Amino acid sequence: MRTPSVTELIPILQLAVAPVILVSGVGLLLLTMNNRLGRIIDRSWALTREISQRPAEEHERILAQMRLLLQRGRTMRQAIALAVICVLLAAVLVLMIFLTALFRLDDAWLLGLIFVGALGSLVGSLLSFFKDTQQTLMALKLELGEWLKEEV
């Protein structure tokens, strides 16, 4: 079996650039998601300290906020997990592009399947991220509702 020459590898390298760009973009998205998760955790710790200092009649409101924060944390965990799967599949895709070229395999269906999996994970991650923004607005409504007496 003859291995590809350098000139034959150049188009393969060009093919591999798209998944690498996907990895870079999703990496920035992961940074944003981790920052949001950190804020959720920080707010949870603050409420945990606050509940012991508040009168009993305020406990249910604080507990409702804590439940919503837990729900948001789970949503962000799901978004982060799906984004990580996307990055992993994109990395596997780059590897598979090189291996199929190196061994002269014709497994376009496998490359396509991996790419579809990566983009499907990205879509799921973005939907979870959007769900967290909705939950954030619910938390804001819970926090401000008694002060504003209107829908947020």
N, C-alpha and C. Protein backbone atom coordinates (compact mmCIF):
# COMPACT_ATOMS: atom_id res chain seq x y z
N MET A 1 0.85 -1.17 0.00
CA MET A 1 0.00 0.00 0.00
C MET A 1 0.89 1.23 0.00
N ARG A 2 0.63 2.14 -0.93
CA ARG A 2 1.40 3.37 -1.05
C ARG A 2 0.77 4.46 -0.21
N THR A 3 1.59 5.14 0.59
CA THR A 3 1.07 6.24 1.39
C THR A 3 0.97 7.49 0.52
N PRO A 4 0.05 8.40 0.87
CA PRO A 4 -0.12 9.62 0.07
C PRO A 4 1.12 10.51 0.13
N SER A 5 1.35 11.23 -0.96
CA SER A 5 2.45 12.19 -0.99
C SER A 5 2.03 13.48 -0.30
N VAL A 6 2.99 14.36 -0.10
CA VAL A 6 2.70 15.64 0.55
C VAL A 6 1.70 16.44 -0.27
N THR A 7 1.85 16.43 -1.57
CA THR A 7 0.89 17.17 -2.40
C THR A 7 -0.51 16.57 -2.33
N GLU A 8 -0.60 15.29 -2.08
CA GLU A 8 -1.91 14.67 -1.91
C GLU A 8 -2.49 14.97 -0.54
N LEU A 9 -1.64 15.25 0.42
CA LEU A 9 -2.11 15.54 1.78
C LEU A 9 -2.62 16.97 1.93
N ILE A 10 -2.19 17.88 1.06
CA ILE A 10 -2.61 19.28 1.19
C ILE A 10 -4.13 19.42 1.12
N PRO A 11 -4.82 18.81 0.16
CA PRO A 11 -6.29 18.91 0.16
C PRO A 11 -6.91 18.28 1.42
N ILE A 12 -6.25 17.26 1.94
CA ILE A 12 -6.76 16.63 3.16
C ILE A 12 -6.62 17.58 4.33
N LEU A 13 -5.49 18.29 4.39
CA LEU A 13 -5.31 19.29 5.44
C LEU A 13 -6.37 20.39 5.32
N GLN A 14 -6.69 20.77 4.11
CA GLN A 14 -7.72 21.78 3.90
C GLN A 14 -9.08 21.28 4.39
N LEU A 15 -9.36 20.01 4.18
CA LEU A 15 -10.61 19.43 4.68
C LEU A 15 -10.66 19.44 6.20
N ALA A 16 -9.51 19.25 6.83
CA ALA A 16 -9.45 19.15 8.28
C ALA A 16 -9.59 20.49 8.97
N VAL A 17 -9.49 21.58 8.23
CA VAL A 17 -9.56 22.91 8.84
C VAL A 17 -10.97 23.19 9.39
N ALA A 18 -12.00 22.81 8.68
CA ALA A 18 -13.38 23.10 9.12
C ALA A 18 -13.68 22.53 10.51
N PRO A 19 -13.38 21.25 10.77
CA PRO A 19 -13.63 20.76 12.13
C PRO A 19 -12.78 21.45 13.18
N VAL A 20 -11.58 21.88 12.82
CA VAL A 20 -10.72 22.58 13.79
C VAL A 20 -11.33 23.94 14.13
N ILE A 21 -11.90 24.61 13.14
CA ILE A 21 -12.59 25.88 13.40
C ILE A 21 -13.80 25.64 14.30
N LEU A 22 -14.50 24.55 14.08
CA LEU A 22 -15.63 24.19 14.94
C LEU A 22 -15.15 24.01 16.38
N VAL A 23 -14.03 23.35 16.57
CA VAL A 23 -13.47 23.15 17.91
C VAL A 23 -13.18 24.49 18.57
N SER A 24 -12.60 25.41 17.82
CA SER A 24 -12.27 26.73 18.36
C SER A 24 -13.53 27.49 18.78
N GLY A 25 -14.53 27.48 17.92
CA GLY A 25 -15.77 28.19 18.23
C GLY A 25 -16.50 27.59 19.42
N VAL A 26 -16.57 26.28 19.48
CA VAL A 26 -17.25 25.62 20.59
C VAL A 26 -16.45 25.82 21.88
N GLY A 27 -15.12 25.93 21.75
CA GLY A 27 -14.30 26.22 22.92
C GLY A 27 -14.68 27.55 23.56
N LEU A 28 -14.93 28.56 22.76
CA LEU A 28 -15.38 29.85 23.29
C LEU A 28 -16.77 29.73 23.91
N LEU A 29 -17.61 28.96 23.29
CA LEU A 29 -18.94 28.72 23.84
C LEU A 29 -18.83 28.02 25.20
N LEU A 30 -17.94 27.05 25.31
CA LEU A 30 -17.72 26.35 26.58
C LEU A 30 -17.24 27.31 27.66
N LEU A 31 -16.39 28.25 27.30
CA LEU A 31 -15.93 29.25 28.26
C LEU A 31 -17.10 30.05 28.80
N THR A 32 -17.98 30.47 27.93
CA THR A 32 -19.17 31.21 28.34
C THR A 32 -20.06 30.36 29.24
N MET A 33 -20.27 29.12 28.86
CA MET A 33 -21.13 28.23 29.65
C MET A 33 -20.53 27.97 31.03
N ASN A 34 -19.22 27.77 31.09
CA ASN A 34 -18.59 27.55 32.39
C ASN A 34 -18.69 28.78 33.27
N ASN A 35 -18.60 29.97 32.68
CA ASN A 35 -18.79 31.20 33.46
C ASN A 35 -20.21 31.28 34.02
N ARG A 36 -21.19 30.92 33.21
CA ARG A 36 -22.58 30.92 33.68
C ARG A 36 -22.78 29.91 34.81
N LEU A 37 -22.18 28.73 34.64
CA LEU A 37 -22.28 27.72 35.69
C LEU A 37 -21.63 28.22 36.97
N GLY A 38 -20.51 28.89 36.85
CA GLY A 38 -19.86 29.47 38.03
C GLY A 38 -20.73 30.49 38.74
N ARG A 39 -21.44 31.29 37.98
CA ARG A 39 -22.35 32.28 38.60
C ARG A 39 -23.51 31.59 39.30
N ILE A 40 -24.01 30.50 38.70
CA ILE A 40 -25.09 29.73 39.33
C ILE A 40 -24.60 29.18 40.67
N ILE A 41 -23.41 28.63 40.68
CA ILE A 41 -22.85 28.05 41.91
C ILE A 41 -22.60 29.14 42.94
N ASP A 42 -22.04 30.27 42.54
CA ASP A 42 -21.79 31.38 43.47
C ASP A 42 -23.10 31.87 44.09
N ARG A 43 -24.13 32.02 43.26
CA ARG A 43 -25.43 32.48 43.78
C ARG A 43 -26.03 31.45 44.73
N SER A 44 -25.85 30.16 44.45
CA SER A 44 -26.35 29.11 45.33
C SER A 44 -25.68 29.18 46.69
N TRP A 45 -24.36 29.36 46.69
CA TRP A 45 -23.64 29.46 47.96
C TRP A 45 -24.10 30.69 48.75
N ALA A 46 -24.31 31.80 48.04
CA ALA A 46 -24.78 33.02 48.71
C ALA A 46 -26.15 32.79 49.35
N LEU A 47 -27.05 32.13 48.64
CA LEU A 47 -28.38 31.85 49.19
C LEU A 47 -28.31 30.89 50.37
N THR A 48 -27.37 29.94 50.32
CA THR A 48 -27.20 28.99 51.41
C THR A 48 -26.80 29.73 52.69
N ARG A 49 -25.91 30.70 52.54
CA ARG A 49 -25.51 31.50 53.71
C ARG A 49 -26.64 32.43 54.16
N GLU A 50 -27.38 32.95 53.19
CA GLU A 50 -28.43 33.93 53.47
C GLU A 50 -29.63 33.33 54.19
N ILE A 51 -29.97 32.09 53.89
CA ILE A 51 -31.20 31.50 54.43
C ILE A 51 -31.15 31.40 55.95
N SER A 52 -29.99 31.15 56.51
CA SER A 52 -29.89 31.03 57.97
C SER A 52 -30.01 32.38 58.65
N GLN A 53 -29.82 33.46 57.93
CA GLN A 53 -29.88 34.80 58.51
C GLN A 53 -31.22 35.48 58.28
N ARG A 54 -32.10 34.85 57.54
CA ARG A 54 -33.40 35.43 57.21
C ARG A 54 -34.50 34.86 58.10
N PRO A 55 -35.58 35.63 58.28
CA PRO A 55 -36.71 35.10 59.05
C PRO A 55 -37.37 33.93 58.32
N ALA A 56 -38.04 33.09 59.08
CA ALA A 56 -38.65 31.86 58.55
C ALA A 56 -39.62 32.13 57.42
N GLU A 57 -40.32 33.26 57.43
CA GLU A 57 -41.30 33.53 56.38
C GLU A 57 -40.64 33.81 55.02
N GLU A 58 -39.36 34.08 55.00
CA GLU A 58 -38.65 34.29 53.74
C GLU A 58 -38.00 33.01 53.22
N HIS A 59 -37.99 31.97 54.04
CA HIS A 59 -37.30 30.73 53.67
C HIS A 59 -37.87 30.09 52.41
N GLU A 60 -39.18 30.10 52.25
CA GLU A 60 -39.77 29.43 51.08
C GLU A 60 -39.38 30.14 49.79
N ARG A 61 -39.32 31.47 49.82
CA ARG A 61 -38.90 32.22 48.64
C ARG A 61 -37.44 31.88 48.29
N ILE A 62 -36.59 31.82 49.29
CA ILE A 62 -35.18 31.50 49.07
C ILE A 62 -35.03 30.06 48.59
N LEU A 63 -35.81 29.14 49.18
CA LEU A 63 -35.76 27.74 48.74
C LEU A 63 -36.23 27.60 47.30
N ALA A 64 -37.22 28.38 46.91
CA ALA A 64 -37.70 28.36 45.51
C ALA A 64 -36.58 28.82 44.57
N GLN A 65 -35.85 29.84 44.99
CA GLN A 65 -34.71 30.31 44.18
C GLN A 65 -33.64 29.23 44.10
N MET A 66 -33.38 28.55 45.22
CA MET A 66 -32.37 27.50 45.24
C MET A 66 -32.77 26.33 44.34
N ARG A 67 -34.05 25.98 44.33
CA ARG A 67 -34.52 24.91 43.45
C ARG A 67 -34.33 25.31 41.98
N LEU A 68 -34.63 26.55 41.67
CA LEU A 68 -34.45 27.02 40.31
C LEU A 68 -32.98 27.05 39.91
N LEU A 69 -32.12 27.42 40.84
CA LEU A 69 -30.68 27.41 40.57
C LEU A 69 -30.18 25.98 40.32
N LEU A 70 -30.70 25.03 41.09
CA LEU A 70 -30.32 23.64 40.87
C LEU A 70 -30.76 23.17 39.48
N GLN A 71 -31.95 23.56 39.10
CA GLN A 71 -32.46 23.23 37.77
C GLN A 71 -31.59 23.86 36.68
N ARG A 72 -31.21 25.13 36.89
CA ARG A 72 -30.34 25.81 35.93
C ARG A 72 -28.98 25.13 35.87
N GLY A 73 -28.46 24.72 37.01
CA GLY A 73 -27.16 24.04 37.04
C GLY A 73 -27.20 22.75 36.24
N ARG A 74 -28.28 22.00 36.37
CA ARG A 74 -28.43 20.77 35.60
C ARG A 74 -28.52 21.06 34.10
N THR A 75 -29.24 22.11 33.76
CA THR A 75 -29.35 22.50 32.36
C THR A 75 -28.00 22.90 31.79
N MET A 76 -27.23 23.67 32.56
CA MET A 76 -25.90 24.07 32.09
C MET A 76 -24.97 22.86 32.00
N ARG A 77 -25.09 21.92 32.93
CA ARG A 77 -24.28 20.71 32.86
C ARG A 77 -24.58 19.96 31.56
N GLN A 78 -25.85 19.89 31.19
CA GLN A 78 -26.24 19.23 29.95
C GLN A 78 -25.67 19.99 28.74
N ALA A 79 -25.77 21.30 28.76
CA ALA A 79 -25.24 22.11 27.65
C ALA A 79 -23.73 21.92 27.52
N ILE A 80 -23.04 21.92 28.64
CA ILE A 80 -21.58 21.74 28.62
C ILE A 80 -21.22 20.34 28.13
N ALA A 81 -21.94 19.34 28.61
CA ALA A 81 -21.65 17.96 28.19
C ALA A 81 -21.84 17.80 26.68
N LEU A 82 -22.90 18.36 26.15
CA LEU A 82 -23.14 18.26 24.70
C LEU A 82 -22.10 19.03 23.90
N ALA A 83 -21.66 20.17 24.42
CA ALA A 83 -20.61 20.93 23.74
C ALA A 83 -19.29 20.16 23.75
N VAL A 84 -18.99 19.50 24.87
CA VAL A 84 -17.77 18.69 24.95
C VAL A 84 -17.85 17.52 23.98
N ILE A 85 -19.01 16.89 23.88
CA ILE A 85 -19.19 15.80 22.91
C ILE A 85 -18.96 16.31 21.50
N CYS A 86 -19.46 17.51 21.20
CA CYS A 86 -19.25 18.12 19.89
C CYS A 86 -17.75 18.27 19.60
N VAL A 87 -17.01 18.80 20.57
CA VAL A 87 -15.57 18.99 20.38
C VAL A 87 -14.87 17.64 20.20
N LEU A 88 -15.24 16.66 21.01
CA LEU A 88 -14.63 15.34 20.88
C LEU A 88 -14.91 14.73 19.51
N LEU A 89 -16.15 14.84 19.05
CA LEU A 89 -16.48 14.29 17.73
C LEU A 89 -15.75 15.05 16.62
N ALA A 90 -15.59 16.35 16.77
CA ALA A 90 -14.83 17.11 15.77
C ALA A 90 -13.37 16.66 15.75
N ALA A 91 -12.80 16.40 16.92
CA ALA A 91 -11.42 15.91 16.98
C ALA A 91 -11.31 14.52 16.35
N VAL A 92 -12.29 13.66 16.64
CA VAL A 92 -12.31 12.34 16.02
C VAL A 92 -12.45 12.47 14.50
N LEU A 93 -13.24 13.42 14.07
CA LEU A 93 -13.42 13.65 12.64
C LEU A 93 -12.10 14.01 11.97
N VAL A 94 -11.33 14.89 12.58
CA VAL A 94 -10.03 15.26 12.03
C VAL A 94 -9.13 14.01 11.94
N LEU A 95 -9.11 13.23 13.00
CA LEU A 95 -8.32 12.00 12.98
C LEU A 95 -8.78 11.06 11.87
N MET A 96 -10.07 10.90 11.74
CA MET A 96 -10.61 9.99 10.72
C MET A 96 -10.31 10.49 9.31
N ILE A 97 -10.34 11.81 9.12
CA ILE A 97 -10.00 12.36 7.80
C ILE A 97 -8.58 11.94 7.42
N PHE A 98 -7.65 12.08 8.37
CA PHE A 98 -6.27 11.71 8.09
C PHE A 98 -6.11 10.20 7.92
N LEU A 99 -6.77 9.43 8.77
CA LEU A 99 -6.62 7.97 8.67
C LEU A 99 -7.21 7.44 7.36
N THR A 100 -8.35 7.97 6.96
CA THR A 100 -8.94 7.50 5.71
C THR A 100 -8.07 7.89 4.53
N ALA A 101 -7.41 9.04 4.61
CA ALA A 101 -6.51 9.45 3.53
C ALA A 101 -5.24 8.61 3.56
N LEU A 102 -4.70 8.39 4.75
CA LEU A 102 -3.46 7.65 4.88
C LEU A 102 -3.59 6.21 4.40
N PHE A 103 -4.69 5.58 4.77
CA PHE A 103 -4.91 4.18 4.40
C PHE A 103 -5.78 4.02 3.15
N ARG A 104 -6.07 5.16 2.53
CA ARG A 104 -6.86 5.18 1.29
C ARG A 104 -8.18 4.41 1.44
N LEU A 105 -8.87 4.73 2.52
CA LEU A 105 -10.18 4.13 2.78
C LEU A 105 -11.26 5.02 2.19
N ASP A 106 -12.33 4.43 1.79
CA ASP A 106 -13.44 5.20 1.25
C ASP A 106 -14.62 5.07 2.20
N ASP A 107 -14.52 5.74 3.32
CA ASP A 107 -15.56 5.67 4.35
C ASP A 107 -16.21 7.04 4.53
N ALA A 108 -16.69 7.60 3.44
CA ALA A 108 -17.33 8.92 3.52
C ALA A 108 -18.55 8.89 4.43
N TRP A 109 -19.26 7.78 4.45
CA TRP A 109 -20.45 7.67 5.31
C TRP A 109 -20.06 7.81 6.77
N LEU A 110 -18.91 7.25 7.17
CA LEU A 110 -18.45 7.35 8.55
C LEU A 110 -18.07 8.78 8.90
N LEU A 111 -17.37 9.46 7.99
CA LEU A 111 -17.01 10.86 8.21
C LEU A 111 -18.27 11.72 8.32
N GLY A 112 -19.22 11.45 7.43
CA GLY A 112 -20.48 12.20 7.48
C GLY A 112 -21.24 11.96 8.77
N LEU A 113 -21.25 10.73 9.23
CA LEU A 113 -21.94 10.38 10.46
C LEU A 113 -21.31 11.09 11.66
N ILE A 114 -20.00 11.12 11.71
CA ILE A 114 -19.30 11.81 12.80
C ILE A 114 -19.60 13.30 12.76
N PHE A 115 -19.59 13.88 11.56
CA PHE A 115 -19.87 15.31 11.42
C PHE A 115 -21.29 15.64 11.84
N VAL A 116 -22.23 14.80 11.42
CA VAL A 116 -23.63 15.01 11.82
C VAL A 116 -23.77 14.89 13.34
N GLY A 117 -23.05 13.94 13.93
CA GLY A 117 -23.08 13.80 15.38
C GLY A 117 -22.53 15.03 16.08
N ALA A 118 -21.45 15.59 15.55
CA ALA A 118 -20.86 16.79 16.14
C ALA A 118 -21.84 17.96 16.06
N LEU A 119 -22.43 18.16 14.90
CA LEU A 119 -23.38 19.27 14.76
C LEU A 119 -24.66 19.03 15.55
N GLY A 120 -25.10 17.78 15.64
CA GLY A 120 -26.26 17.47 16.47
C GLY A 120 -26.00 17.78 17.93
N SER A 121 -24.81 17.46 18.40
CA SER A 121 -24.44 17.78 19.78
C SER A 121 -24.38 19.29 19.99
N LEU A 122 -23.87 19.99 18.99
CA LEU A 122 -23.82 21.45 19.09
C LEU A 122 -25.22 22.05 19.17
N VAL A 123 -26.12 21.55 18.34
CA VAL A 123 -27.51 22.04 18.37
C VAL A 123 -28.13 21.77 19.74
N GLY A 124 -27.94 20.55 20.27
CA GLY A 124 -28.47 20.23 21.59
C GLY A 124 -27.89 21.13 22.67
N SER A 125 -26.60 21.40 22.56
CA SER A 125 -25.94 22.28 23.52
C SER A 125 -26.52 23.69 23.48
N LEU A 126 -26.71 24.20 22.27
CA LEU A 126 -27.27 25.54 22.13
C LEU A 126 -28.71 25.61 22.63
N LEU A 127 -29.47 24.56 22.40
CA LEU A 127 -30.85 24.54 22.92
C LEU A 127 -30.86 24.52 24.45
N SER A 128 -29.96 23.77 25.04
CA SER A 128 -29.86 23.76 26.50
C SER A 128 -29.41 25.12 27.02
N PHE A 129 -28.49 25.75 26.31
CA PHE A 129 -28.03 27.08 26.68
C PHE A 129 -29.19 28.08 26.64
N PHE A 130 -30.00 27.97 25.61
CA PHE A 130 -31.18 28.83 25.50
C PHE A 130 -32.16 28.55 26.63
N LYS A 131 -32.33 27.28 26.96
CA LYS A 131 -33.22 26.91 28.07
C LYS A 131 -32.74 27.56 29.37
N ASP A 132 -31.42 27.62 29.55
CA ASP A 132 -30.89 28.27 30.75
C ASP A 132 -31.23 29.76 30.76
N THR A 133 -31.22 30.41 29.61
CA THR A 133 -31.58 31.83 29.60
C THR A 133 -33.05 32.01 29.99
N GLN A 134 -33.89 31.08 29.56
CA GLN A 134 -35.30 31.13 29.96
C GLN A 134 -35.43 30.93 31.48
N GLN A 135 -34.68 29.99 32.02
CA GLN A 135 -34.72 29.74 33.45
C GLN A 135 -34.17 30.93 34.23
N THR A 136 -33.21 31.63 33.66
CA THR A 136 -32.66 32.83 34.28
C THR A 136 -33.74 33.90 34.40
N LEU A 137 -34.53 34.04 33.36
CA LEU A 137 -35.63 35.02 33.41
C LEU A 137 -36.68 34.60 34.44
N MET A 138 -36.92 33.31 34.58
CA MET A 138 -37.85 32.84 35.61
C MET A 138 -37.30 33.18 37.00
N ALA A 139 -36.00 33.01 37.19
CA ALA A 139 -35.38 33.35 38.47
C ALA A 139 -35.49 34.84 38.73
N LEU A 140 -35.29 35.64 37.70
CA LEU A 140 -35.41 37.09 37.85
C LEU A 140 -36.83 37.48 38.21
N LYS A 141 -37.79 36.83 37.58
CA LYS A 141 -39.20 37.09 37.90
C LYS A 141 -39.48 36.73 39.36
N LEU A 142 -38.95 35.62 39.81
CA LEU A 142 -39.14 35.20 41.19
C LEU A 142 -38.52 36.21 42.16
N GLU A 143 -37.34 36.69 41.81
CA GLU A 143 -36.63 37.63 42.67
C GLU A 143 -37.28 39.01 42.69
N LEU A 144 -37.70 39.48 41.53
CA LEU A 144 -38.23 40.84 41.42
C LEU A 144 -39.74 40.92 41.46
N GLY A 145 -40.39 39.79 41.32
CA GLY A 145 -41.84 39.78 41.21
C GLY A 145 -42.56 40.49 42.35
N GLU A 146 -42.09 40.28 43.56
CA GLU A 146 -42.75 40.90 44.70
C GLU A 146 -42.51 42.41 44.73
N TRP A 147 -41.43 42.86 44.10
CA TRP A 147 -41.14 44.29 44.09
C TRP A 147 -41.84 44.99 42.94
N LEU A 148 -41.89 44.35 41.82
CA LEU A 148 -42.44 44.99 40.63
C LEU A 148 -43.93 44.71 40.43
N LYS A 149 -44.41 43.61 40.99
CA LYS A 149 -45.82 43.20 40.87
C LYS A 149 -46.27 43.10 39.42
N GLU A 150 -45.35 42.66 38.54
CA GLU A 150 -45.71 42.48 37.14
C GLU A 150 -44.83 41.40 36.54
N GLU A 151 -45.21 40.97 35.35
CA GLU A 151 -44.45 39.94 34.63
C GLU A 151 -43.14 40.52 34.12
N VAL A 152 -42.10 39.72 34.22
CA VAL A 152 -40.80 40.11 33.65
C VAL A 152 -40.67 39.48 32.30
